[in-house]
C-alpha atoms as a PDB file:
ATOM      1  CA  UNK A   1      14.899  43.538-110.760  1.00  0.00           C
ATOM      2  CA  UNK A   2      18.040  43.000-108.668  1.00  0.00           C
ATOM      3  CA  UNK A   3      19.762  45.802-106.798  1.00  0.00           C
ATOM      4  CA  UNK A   4      22.584  46.098-109.348  1.00  0.00           C
ATOM      5  CA  UNK A   5      20.100  46.441-112.220  1.00  0.00           C
ATOM      6  CA  UNK A   6      18.116  49.042-110.252  1.00  0.00           C
ATOM      7  CA  UNK A   7      21.258  51.095-109.615  1.00  0.00           C
ATOM      8  CA  UNK A   8      22.369  50.894-113.259  1.00  0.00           C
ATOM      9  CA  UNK A   9      18.859  51.753-114.495  1.00  0.00           C
ATOM     10  CA  UNK A  10      18.647  54.887-112.344  1.00  0.00           C
ATOM     11  CA  UNK A  11      22.203  55.947-113.239  1.00  0.00           C
ATOM     12  CA  UNK A  12      21.363  55.639-116.941  1.00  0.00           C
ATOM     13  CA  UNK A  13      18.287  57.831-116.438  1.00  0.00           C
ATOM     14  CA  UNK A  14      20.413  60.400-114.589  1.00  0.00           C
ATOM     15  CA  UNK A  15      22.891  60.559-117.494  1.00  0.00           C
ATOM     16  CA  UNK A  16      20.038  60.993-120.000  1.00  0.00           C
ATOM     17  CA  UNK A  17      18.364  63.681-117.884  1.00  0.00           C
ATOM     18  CA  UNK A  18      21.629  65.588-117.456  1.00  0.00           C
ATOM     19  CA  UNK A  19      22.098  65.535-121.227  1.00  0.00           C
ATOM     20  CA  UNK A  20      18.564  66.838-121.781  1.00  0.00           C
ATOM     21  CA  UNK A  21      19.107  69.536-119.148  1.00  0.00           C
ATOM     22  CA  UNK A  22      22.164  70.728-121.039  1.00  0.00           C
ATOM     23  CA  UNK A  23      20.233  70.797-124.312  1.00  0.00           C
ATOM     24  CA  UNK A  24      17.393  72.739-122.676  1.00  0.00           C
ATOM     25  CA  UNK A  25      19.735  75.631-122.025  1.00  0.00           C
ATOM     26  CA  UNK A  26      17.875  78.525-120.371  1.00  0.00           C
ATOM     27  CA  UNK A  27      14.359  77.410-121.325  1.00  0.00           C
ATOM     28  CA  UNK A  28      12.348  78.265-118.181  1.00  0.00           C
ATOM     29  CA  UNK A  29       9.854  75.383-118.242  1.00  0.00           C
ATOM     30  CA  UNK A  30      12.035  72.584-119.605  1.00  0.00           C
ATOM     31  CA  UNK A  31      14.992  73.451-117.380  1.00  0.00           C
ATOM     32  CA  UNK A  32      12.831  73.437-114.241  1.00  0.00           C
ATOM     33  CA  UNK A  33      11.243  70.125-115.273  1.00  0.00           C
ATOM     34  CA  UNK A  34      14.561  68.395-115.950  1.00  0.00           C
ATOM     35  CA  UNK A  35      16.075  69.704-112.684  1.00  0.00           C
ATOM     36  CA  UNK A  36      13.097  68.372-110.752  1.00  0.00           C
ATOM     37  CA  UNK A  37      13.431  65.020-112.525  1.00  0.00           C
ATOM     38  CA  UNK A  38      17.162  64.928-111.772  1.00  0.00           C
ATOM     39  CA  UNK A  39      16.578  65.638-108.073  1.00  0.00           C
ATOM     40  CA  UNK A  40      13.987  62.863-107.927  1.00  0.00           C
ATOM     41  CA  UNK A  41      16.339  60.342-109.578  1.00  0.00           C
ATOM     42  CA  UNK A  42      19.184  61.225-107.199  1.00  0.00           C
ATOM     43  CA  UNK A  43      16.836  60.728-104.248  1.00  0.00           C
ATOM     44  CA  UNK A  44      15.815  57.327-105.623  1.00  0.00           C
ATOM     45  CA  UNK A  45      19.461  56.343-106.020  1.00  0.00           C
ATOM     46  CA  UNK A  46      20.317  57.512-102.514  1.00  0.00           C
ATOM     47  CA  UNK A  47      17.384  55.603-101.011  1.00  0.00           C
ATOM     48  CA  UNK A  48      18.543  52.249-102.393  1.00  0.00           C
ATOM     49  CA  UNK A  49      20.412  49.964 -99.964  1.00  0.00           C
ATOM     50  CA  UNK A  50      24.193  49.829-100.317  1.00  0.00           C
ATOM     51  CA  UNK A  51      24.227  46.040-100.129  1.00  0.00           C
ATOM     52  CA  UNK A  52      21.797  43.215-100.850  1.00  0.00           C
ATOM     53  CA  UNK A  53      22.037  39.581 -99.750  1.00  0.00           C
ATOM     54  CA  UNK A  54      19.559  37.740-101.925  1.00  0.00           C
ATOM     55  CA  UNK A  55      20.657  34.197-102.885  1.00  0.00           C
ATOM     56  CA  UNK A  56      20.338  34.872-106.591  1.00  0.00           C
ATOM     57  CA  UNK A  57      22.934  35.357-109.336  1.00  0.00           C
ATOM     58  CA  UNK A  58      22.742  36.041-113.074  1.00  0.00           C
ATOM     59  CA  UNK A  59      25.257  34.635-115.547  1.00  0.00           C
ATOM     60  CA  UNK A  60      25.121  35.939-119.115  1.00  0.00           C
ATOM     61  CA  UNK A  61      27.139  34.740-122.096  1.00  0.00           C
ATOM     62  CA  UNK A  62      27.782  35.496-125.751  1.00  0.00           C
ATOM     63  CA  UNK A  63      30.011  34.007-128.439  1.00  0.00           C
ATOM     64  CA  UNK A  64      29.580  30.684-130.183  1.00  0.00           C
ATOM     65  CA  UNK A  65      27.431  29.196-127.412  1.00  0.00           C
ATOM     66  CA  UNK A  66      24.708  31.829-127.853  1.00  0.00           C
ATOM     67  CA  UNK A  67      22.316  32.717-130.659  1.00  0.00           C
ATOM     68  CA  UNK A  68      21.667  36.407-130.002  1.00  0.00           C
ATOM     69  CA  UNK A  69      18.988  36.740-127.346  1.00  0.00           C
ATOM     70  CA  UNK A  70      17.162  33.647-128.593  1.00  0.00           C
ATOM     71  CA  UNK A  71      18.981  30.822-126.865  1.00  0.00           C
ATOM     72  CA  UNK A  72      22.124  29.201-125.555  1.00  0.00           C
ATOM     73  CA  UNK A  73      23.525  25.714-126.130  1.00  0.00           C
ATOM     74  CA  UNK A  74      22.167  23.265-123.564  1.00  0.00           C
ATOM     75  CA  UNK A  75      25.448  21.342-123.638  1.00  0.00           C
ATOM     76  CA  UNK A  76      27.374  24.522-122.781  1.00  0.00           C
ATOM     77  CA  UNK A  77      25.080  25.439-119.883  1.00  0.00           C
ATOM     78  CA  UNK A  78      25.292  21.929-118.430  1.00  0.00           C
ATOM     79  CA  UNK A  79      29.112  22.078-118.512  1.00  0.00           C
ATOM     80  CA  UNK A  80      29.453  25.499-116.860  1.00  0.00           C
ATOM     81  CA  UNK A  81      26.739  25.017-114.234  1.00  0.00           C
ATOM     82  CA  UNK A  82      28.200  21.987-112.447  1.00  0.00           C
ATOM     83  CA  UNK A  83      31.585  23.525-111.495  1.00  0.00           C
ATOM     84  CA  UNK A  84      29.924  26.876-110.710  1.00  0.00           C
ATOM     85  CA  UNK A  85      27.401  25.190-108.404  1.00  0.00           C
ATOM     86  CA  UNK A  86      30.227  23.329-106.656  1.00  0.00           C
ATOM     87  CA  UNK A  87      32.142  26.567-106.081  1.00  0.00           C
ATOM     88  CA  UNK A  88      29.046  28.077-104.450  1.00  0.00           C
ATOM     89  CA  UNK A  89      28.571  25.006-102.218  1.00  0.00           C
ATOM     90  CA  UNK A  90      32.189  25.017-101.065  1.00  0.00           C
ATOM     91  CA  UNK A  91      32.175  28.763-100.458  1.00  0.00           C
ATOM     92  CA  UNK A  92      28.907  28.553 -98.507  1.00  0.00           C
ATOM     93  CA  UNK A  93      30.582  26.034 -96.196  1.00  0.00           C
ATOM     94  CA  UNK A  94      33.495  28.451 -95.718  1.00  0.00           C
ATOM     95  CA  UNK A  95      31.088  31.287 -94.915  1.00  0.00           C
ATOM     96  CA  UNK A  96      29.416  29.142 -92.266  1.00  0.00           C
ATOM     97  CA  UNK A  97      32.511  27.618 -90.661  1.00  0.00           C
ATOM     98  CA  UNK A  98      35.235  30.168 -91.405  1.00  0.00           C
ATOM     99  CA  UNK A  99      37.538  27.828 -93.323  1.00  0.00           C
ATOM    100  CA  UNK A 100      37.164  24.319 -94.655  1.00  0.00           C
ATOM    101  CA  UNK A 101      39.740  21.730 -95.522  1.00  0.00           C
ATOM    102  CA  UNK A 102      41.419  22.389 -98.851  1.00  0.00           C
ATOM    103  CA  UNK A 103      39.976  19.059 -99.885  1.00  0.00           C
ATOM    104  CA  UNK A 104      36.577  20.478 -99.045  1.00  0.00           C
ATOM    105  CA  UNK A 105      33.851  19.988 -96.487  1.00  0.00           C
ATOM    106  CA  UNK A 106      31.001  21.447 -98.510  1.00  0.00           C
ATOM    107  CA  UNK A 107      28.620  18.840 -97.142  1.00  0.00           C
ATOM    108  CA  UNK A 108      28.656  20.719 -93.842  1.00  0.00           C
ATOM    109  CA  UNK A 109      27.563  24.024 -95.335  1.00  0.00           C
ATOM    110  CA  UNK A 110      24.178  25.633 -95.798  1.00  0.00           C
ATOM    111  CA  UNK A 111      21.808  24.211 -98.393  1.00  0.00           C
ATOM    112  CA  UNK A 112      23.341  25.723-101.517  1.00  0.00           C
ATOM    113  CA  UNK A 113      21.422  23.760-104.121  1.00  0.00           C
ATOM    114  CA  UNK A 114      20.596  26.230-106.887  1.00  0.00           C
ATOM    115  CA  UNK A 115      17.699  26.312-109.333  1.00  0.00           C
ATOM    116  CA  UNK A 116      17.373  27.957-112.743  1.00  0.00           C
ATOM    117  CA  UNK A 117      14.646  30.513-112.097  1.00  0.00           C
ATOM    118  CA  UNK A 118      14.832  32.839-115.123  1.00  0.00           C
ATOM    119  CA  UNK A 119      16.493  33.339-118.510  1.00  0.00           C
ATOM    120  CA  UNK A 120      17.733  36.955-118.559  1.00  0.00           C
ATOM    121  CA  UNK A 121      18.676  38.499-121.893  1.00  0.00           C
ATOM    122  CA  UNK A 122      21.408  40.916-122.851  1.00  0.00           C
ATOM    123  CA  UNK A 123      23.297  38.295-124.735  1.00  0.00           C
ATOM    124  CA  UNK A 124      21.669  35.229-123.170  1.00  0.00           C
ATOM    125  CA  UNK A 125      21.933  33.815-119.700  1.00  0.00           C
ATOM    126  CA  UNK A 126      20.479  32.110-116.692  1.00  0.00           C
ATOM    127  CA  UNK A 127      19.390  33.214-113.265  1.00  0.00           C
ATOM    128  CA  UNK A 128      20.355  30.837-110.445  1.00  0.00           C
ATOM    129  CA  UNK A 129      18.546  31.018-107.107  1.00  0.00           C
ATOM    130  CA  UNK A 130      18.398  29.172-103.816  1.00  0.00           C
ATOM    131  CA  UNK A 131      14.762  28.169-103.320  1.00  0.00           C
ATOM    132  CA  UNK A 132      14.400  25.428-100.723  1.00  0.00           C
ATOM    133  CA  UNK A 133      15.380  27.193 -97.527  1.00  0.00           C
ATOM    134  CA  UNK A 134      13.363  28.476 -94.577  1.00  0.00           C
ATOM    135  CA  UNK A 135      16.542  29.633 -92.850  1.00  0.00           C
ATOM    136  CA  UNK A 136      17.233  33.364 -93.250  1.00  0.00           C
ATOM    137  CA  UNK A 137      20.851  32.887 -92.142  1.00  0.00           C
ATOM    138  CA  UNK A 138      21.350  30.134 -94.724  1.00  0.00           C
ATOM    139  CA  UNK A 139      20.025  32.464 -97.445  1.00  0.00           C
ATOM    140  CA  UNK A 140      22.485  35.152 -96.368  1.00  0.00           C
ATOM    141  CA  UNK A 141      25.334  32.630 -96.326  1.00  0.00           C
ATOM    142  CA  UNK A 142      24.576  31.480 -99.875  1.00  0.00           C
ATOM    143  CA  UNK A 143      24.195  35.094-101.033  1.00  0.00           C
ATOM    144  CA  UNK A 144      27.557  35.965 -99.498  1.00  0.00           C
ATOM    145  CA  UNK A 145      29.114  32.864-101.078  1.00  0.00           C
ATOM    146  CA  UNK A 146      27.829  33.981-104.486  1.00  0.00           C
ATOM    147  CA  UNK A 147      29.535  37.358-104.070  1.00  0.00           C
ATOM    148  CA  UNK A 148      32.788  35.720-103.007  1.00  0.00           C
ATOM    149  CA  UNK A 149      32.810  33.308-105.949  1.00  0.00           C
ATOM    150  CA  UNK A 150      32.052  36.221-108.269  1.00  0.00           C
ATOM    151  CA  UNK A 151      34.951  38.164-106.734  1.00  0.00           C
ATOM    152  CA  UNK A 152      37.242  35.162-107.234  1.00  0.00           C
ATOM    153  CA  UNK A 153      36.426  35.125-110.954  1.00  0.00           C
ATOM    154  CA  UNK A 154      36.965  38.905-111.148  1.00  0.00           C
ATOM    155  CA  UNK A 155      40.336  38.680-109.358  1.00  0.00           C
ATOM    156  CA  UNK A 156      41.451  35.818-111.592  1.00  0.00           C
ATOM    157  CA  UNK A 157      40.764  37.925-114.676  1.00  0.00           C
ATOM    158  CA  UNK A 158      42.247  41.130-113.215  1.00  0.00           C
ATOM    159  CA  UNK A 159      45.935  40.368-112.574  1.00  0.00           C
ATOM    160  CA  UNK A 160      48.467  37.811-111.360  1.00  0.00           C
ATOM    161  CA  UNK A 161      48.683  39.511-107.972  1.00  0.00           C
ATOM    162  CA  UNK A 162      44.918  39.630-107.434  1.00  0.00           C
ATOM    163  CA  UNK A 163      44.612  35.977-108.466  1.00  0.00           C
ATOM    164  CA  UNK A 164      47.373  34.792-106.123  1.00  0.00           C
ATOM    165  CA  UNK A 165      45.917  36.723-103.194  1.00  0.00           C
ATOM    166  CA  UNK A 166      42.465  35.226-103.805  1.00  0.00           C
ATOM    167  CA  UNK A 167      43.802  31.686-104.177  1.00  0.00           C
ATOM    168  CA  UNK A 168      45.483  31.906-100.778  1.00  0.00           C
ATOM    169  CA  UNK A 169      42.045  31.662 -99.139  1.00  0.00           C
ATOM    170  CA  UNK A 170      40.447  29.400-101.772  1.00  0.00           C
ATOM    171  CA  UNK A 171      39.956  25.653-101.258  1.00  0.00           C
ATOM    172  CA  UNK A 172      41.757  23.504-103.792  1.00  0.00           C
ATOM    173  CA  UNK A 173      38.492  21.977-104.988  1.00  0.00           C
ATOM    174  CA  UNK A 174      37.260  25.479-105.909  1.00  0.00           C
ATOM    175  CA  UNK A 175      40.430  26.098-107.921  1.00  0.00           C
ATOM    176  CA  UNK A 176      39.774  22.922-109.900  1.00  0.00           C
ATOM    177  CA  UNK A 177      36.133  23.887-110.476  1.00  0.00           C
ATOM    178  CA  UNK A 178      37.157  27.409-111.481  1.00  0.00           C
ATOM    179  CA  UNK A 179      39.422  25.886-114.116  1.00  0.00           C
ATOM    180  CA  UNK A 180      36.551  23.782-115.502  1.00  0.00           C
ATOM    181  CA  UNK A 181      34.169  26.752-115.472  1.00  0.00           C
ATOM    182  CA  UNK A 182      36.535  29.061-117.363  1.00  0.00           C
ATOM    183  CA  UNK A 183      37.556  26.347-119.827  1.00  0.00           C
ATOM    184  CA  UNK A 184      34.041  26.017-121.231  1.00  0.00           C
ATOM    185  CA  UNK A 185      33.631  29.795-121.600  1.00  0.00           C
ATOM    186  CA  UNK A 186      37.011  30.141-123.341  1.00  0.00           C
ATOM    187  CA  UNK A 187      36.265  27.332-125.793  1.00  0.00           C
ATOM    188  CA  UNK A 188      33.046  29.081-126.861  1.00  0.00           C
ATOM    189  CA  UNK A 189      34.827  32.465-127.233  1.00  0.00           C
ATOM    190  CA  UNK A 190      32.340  34.038-124.854  1.00  0.00           C
ATOM    191  CA  UNK A 191      32.247  37.067-122.636  1.00  0.00           C
ATOM    192  CA  UNK A 192      30.860  36.637-119.126  1.00  0.00           C
ATOM    193  CA  UNK A 193      28.495  38.974-117.300  1.00  0.00           C
ATOM    194  CA  UNK A 194      27.714  38.333-113.633  1.00  0.00           C
ATOM    195  CA  UNK A 195      25.253  40.114-111.379  1.00  0.00           C
ATOM    196  CA  UNK A 196      24.349  39.451-107.761  1.00  0.00           C
ATOM    197  CA  UNK A 197      23.177  41.856-105.073  1.00  0.00           C
ATOM    198  CA  UNK A 198      24.811  45.231-105.652  1.00  0.00           C
ATOM    199  CA  UNK A 199      27.683  43.652-107.635  1.00  0.00           C
ATOM    200  CA  UNK A 200      27.926  43.464-111.399  1.00  0.00           C
ATOM    201  CA  UNK A 201      30.758  42.922-113.867  1.00  0.00           C
ATOM    202  CA  UNK A 202      31.353  42.197-117.550  1.00  0.00           C
ATOM    203  CA  UNK A 203      34.521  40.287-118.416  1.00  0.00           C
ATOM    204  CA  UNK A 204      35.707  40.404-122.014  1.00  0.00           C
ATOM    205  CA  UNK A 205      36.681  37.381-124.069  1.00  0.00           C
ATOM    206  CA  UNK A 206      40.323  38.409-123.614  1.00  0.00           C
ATOM    207  CA  UNK A 207      39.864  38.799-119.861  1.00  0.00           C
ATOM    208  CA  UNK A 208      38.355  35.331-119.565  1.00  0.00           C
ATOM    209  CA  UNK A 209      41.209  33.871-121.632  1.00  0.00           C
ATOM    210  CA  UNK A 210      43.790  35.513-119.338  1.00  0.00           C
ATOM    211  CA  UNK A 211      41.952  34.178-116.294  1.00  0.00           C
ATOM    212  CA  UNK A 212      42.019  30.663-117.733  1.00  0.00           C
ATOM    213  CA  UNK A 213      45.758  30.918-118.457  1.00  0.00           C
ATOM    214  CA  UNK A 214      46.434  31.949-114.849  1.00  0.00           C
ATOM    215  CA  UNK A 215      44.450  29.024-113.458  1.00  0.00           C
ATOM    216  CA  UNK A 216      45.885  26.404-115.797  1.00  0.00           C
ATOM    217  CA  UNK A 217      49.431  27.681-115.183  1.00  0.00           C
ATOM    218  CA  UNK A 218      49.272  26.814-111.489  1.00  0.00           C
ATOM    219  CA  UNK A 219      51.060  23.616-110.533  1.00  0.00           C
ATOM    220  CA  UNK A 220      50.107  21.634-107.441  1.00  0.00           C
ATOM    221  CA  UNK A 221      52.558  19.257-105.759  1.00  0.00           C
ATOM    222  CA  UNK A 222      52.027  17.040-102.732  1.00  0.00           C
ATOM    223  CA  UNK A 223      54.291  15.132-100.381  1.00  0.00           C
ATOM    224  CA  UNK A 224      53.780  13.452 -97.026  1.00  0.00           C
ATOM    225  CA  UNK A 225      55.911  13.835 -93.902  1.00  0.00           C
ATOM    226  CA  UNK A 226      56.076  12.449 -90.354  1.00  0.00           C
ATOM    227  CA  UNK A 227      57.146  15.219 -87.968  1.00  0.00           C
ATOM    228  CA  UNK A 228      57.986  15.088 -84.275  1.00  0.00           C
ATOM    229  CA  UNK A 229      56.002  17.867 -82.597  1.00  0.00           C
ATOM    230  CA  UNK A 230      53.791  19.082 -79.774  1.00  0.00           C
ATOM    231  CA  UNK A 231      50.083  19.463 -80.529  1.00  0.00           C
ATOM    232  CA  UNK A 232      48.986  23.028 -79.717  1.00  0.00           C
ATOM    233  CA  UNK A 233      45.363  22.879 -80.730  1.00  0.00           C
ATOM    234  CA  UNK A 234      42.536  21.480 -82.856  1.00  0.00           C
ATOM    235  CA  UNK A 235      39.545  23.568 -83.938  1.00  0.00           C
ATOM    236  CA  UNK A 236      36.608  21.379 -84.933  1.00  0.00           C
ATOM    237  CA  UNK A 237      34.356  23.970 -86.595  1.00  0.00           C
ATOM    238  CA  UNK A 238      37.017  25.604 -88.731  1.00  0.00           C
ATOM    239  CA  UNK A 239      38.814  22.273 -89.348  1.00  0.00           C
ATOM    240  CA  UNK A 240      42.230  23.683 -88.466  1.00  0.00           C
ATOM    241  CA  UNK A 241      45.172  22.482 -86.368  1.00  0.00           C
ATOM    242  CA  UNK A 242      48.369  23.937 -84.912  1.00  0.00           C
ATOM    243  CA  UNK A 243      51.580  22.203 -83.848  1.00  0.00           C
ATOM    244  CA  UNK A 244      55.086  23.181 -82.757  1.00  0.00           C
ATOM    245  CA  UNK A 245      57.839  21.008 -84.190  1.00  0.00           C
ATOM    246  CA  UNK A 246      60.738  19.715 -82.101  1.00  0.00           C
ATOM    247  CA  UNK A 247      62.843  22.369 -83.822  1.00  0.00           C
ATOM    248  CA  UNK A 248      60.564  25.113 -82.518  1.00  0.00           C
ATOM    249  CA  UNK A 249      58.771  25.812 -85.808  1.00  0.00           C
ATOM    250  CA  UNK A 250      55.059  26.674 -85.551  1.00  0.00           C
ATOM    251  CA  UNK A 251      52.934  24.994 -88.219  1.00  0.00           C
ATOM    252  CA  UNK A 252      49.208  25.440 -88.755  1.00  0.00           C
ATOM    253  CA  UNK A 253      46.934  24.134 -91.448  1.00  0.00           C
ATOM    254  CA  UNK A 254      43.786  22.272 -92.363  1.00  0.00           C
ATOM    255  CA  UNK A 255      42.476  18.952 -91.099  1.00  0.00           C
ATOM    256  CA  UNK A 256      41.771  16.180 -93.596  1.00  0.00           C
ATOM    257  CA  UNK A 257      38.080  15.513 -94.084  1.00  0.00           C
ATOM    258  CA  UNK A 258      38.889  11.793 -93.739  1.00  0.00           C
ATOM    259  CA  UNK A 259      39.461  12.259 -89.989  1.00  0.00           C
ATOM    260  CA  UNK A 260      36.225  11.898 -88.049  1.00  0.00           C
ATOM    261  CA  UNK A 261      35.173  14.300 -85.302  1.00  0.00           C
ATOM    262  CA  UNK A 262      35.483  11.487 -82.766  1.00  0.00           C
ATOM    263  CA  UNK A 263      39.100  10.896 -83.808  1.00  0.00           C
ATOM    264  CA  UNK A 264      39.868  14.611 -83.514  1.00  0.00           C
ATOM    265  CA  UNK A 265      38.422  14.745 -80.007  1.00  0.00           C
ATOM    266  CA  UNK A 266      40.553  11.752 -79.056  1.00  0.00           C
ATOM    267  CA  UNK A 267      43.673  13.415 -80.503  1.00  0.00           C
ATOM    268  CA  UNK A 268      42.934  16.531 -78.478  1.00  0.00           C
ATOM    269  CA  UNK A 269      42.443  14.568 -75.259  1.00  0.00           C
ATOM    270  CA  UNK A 270      45.529  12.386 -75.795  1.00  0.00           C
ATOM    271  CA  UNK A 271      48.138  14.695 -77.337  1.00  0.00           C
ATOM    272  CA  UNK A 272      47.304  18.320 -76.485  1.00  0.00           C
ATOM    273  CA  UNK A 273      50.538  19.995 -75.294  1.00  0.00           C
ATOM    274  CA  UNK A 274      52.320  16.642 -75.454  1.00  0.00           C
ATOM    275  CA  UNK A 275      55.033  15.196 -77.694  1.00  0.00           C
ATOM    276  CA  UNK A 276      53.767  13.124 -80.594  1.00  0.00           C
ATOM    277  CA  UNK A 277      54.383  12.328 -84.256  1.00  0.00           C
ATOM    278  CA  UNK A 278      52.209  14.182 -86.752  1.00  0.00           C
ATOM    279  CA  UNK A 279      51.514  12.794 -90.212  1.00  0.00           C
ATOM    280  CA  UNK A 280      51.135  15.738 -92.614  1.00  0.00           C
ATOM    281  CA  UNK A 281      50.506  16.197 -96.295  1.00  0.00           C
ATOM    282  CA  UNK A 282      52.335  19.238 -97.688  1.00  0.00           C
ATOM    283  CA  UNK A 283      50.583  21.010-100.572  1.00  0.00           C
ATOM    284  CA  UNK A 284      52.609  23.423-102.707  1.00  0.00           C
ATOM    285  CA  UNK A 285      51.031  25.617-105.382  1.00  0.00           C
ATOM    286  CA  UNK A 286      53.357  27.272-107.904  1.00  0.00           C
ATOM    287  CA  UNK A 287      52.164  30.141-110.121  1.00  0.00           C
ATOM    288  CA  UNK A 288      53.338  31.255-113.546  1.00  0.00           C
ATOM    289  CA  UNK A 289      54.930  34.299-111.883  1.00  0.00           C
ATOM    290  CA  UNK A 290      57.311  31.996-109.976  1.00  0.00           C
ATOM    291  CA  UNK A 291      55.585  32.641-106.636  1.00  0.00           C
ATOM    292  CA  UNK A 292      54.636  29.723-104.403  1.00  0.00           C
ATOM    293  CA  UNK A 293      52.095  29.009-101.663  1.00  0.00           C
ATOM    294  CA  UNK A 294      52.475  26.172 -99.174  1.00  0.00           C
ATOM    295  CA  UNK A 295      49.948  24.775 -96.729  1.00  0.00           C
ATOM    296  CA  UNK A 296      49.692  21.679 -94.538  1.00  0.00           C
ATOM    297  CA  UNK A 297      46.967  19.078 -94.144  1.00  0.00           C
ATOM    298  CA  UNK A 298      46.738  16.951 -90.999  1.00  0.00           C
ATOM    299  CA  UNK A 299      46.341  13.253 -91.794  1.00  0.00           C
ATOM    300  CA  UNK A 300      47.001  11.511 -88.445  1.00  0.00           C
ATOM    301  CA  UNK A 301      48.590  11.877 -85.010  1.00  0.00           C
ATOM    302  CA  UNK A 302      50.420   8.977 -83.347  1.00  0.00           C
ATOM    303  CA  UNK A 303      52.899   8.079 -80.632  1.00  0.00           C
ATOM    304  CA  UNK A 304      55.866   7.088 -82.790  1.00  0.00           C
ATOM    305  CA  UNK A 305      57.117   7.508 -86.356  1.00  0.00           C
ATOM    306  CA  UNK A 306      56.125   4.365 -88.332  1.00  0.00           C
ATOM    307  CA  UNK A 307      58.914   4.953 -90.868  1.00  0.00           C
ATOM    308  CA  UNK A 308      61.706   4.613 -88.293  1.00  0.00           C
END
């Protein structure tokens, strides 16, 4: 039983015991027994860890995809698992390296291949676990990534503001996979329960529908620019760059995954603190609220502007 289930199980017993204690009134034996039981349950609850980092997550569904607690459509599970797995992989890379390119560098992350290890009921669902890892740090990274992906789904269902704040630190590939994941759940008119570590949440059919509307209402635009600038720095592990334009504007962003590490080292040796021309791709995300987010992706650094 996961930590969240343990906490909920003990809390339910506490509620039941408190109710029985009230019903017992002033009965000398029953009151003493229920008080002792209540003290024991509170001690059990207090002794549980506040956090758990086990690379395991439960997803439970209902609606048209599920037949009570008997089964779930195989076609539905196959459609929701692929984008969910990809979100975990991308997030695990971010946990390991801080930030990855918006286009994604999940291949650099910890081994985040997940296996179906159980079929929990309560509606019907699946338990996904990381199995093939002898690296304790990798297990913690995947466990943390699971919590972050779960929080992203929660924020997307909660409000426009929570969604926009979460998206600011979310790779574009995860946004696309989130859209695919929610789409399948919406089409089957399902709720979604998620549990991992000490976290647990149940999102209603309406909440999932609102989340899907928020994701599908975002509009992404791209354009490329050649900018005269001075290179201020390149960070290989976090895949980030910083420049100062000839107009004095500081710009930072992500490095395209198409640029090799050898090329980045050469850029750093050749252009650091020197004038150059920087080829950038500008990504703009517009939300249904009218708010916008803009970030830059480094494509190339050169001596002169090829468009002039």
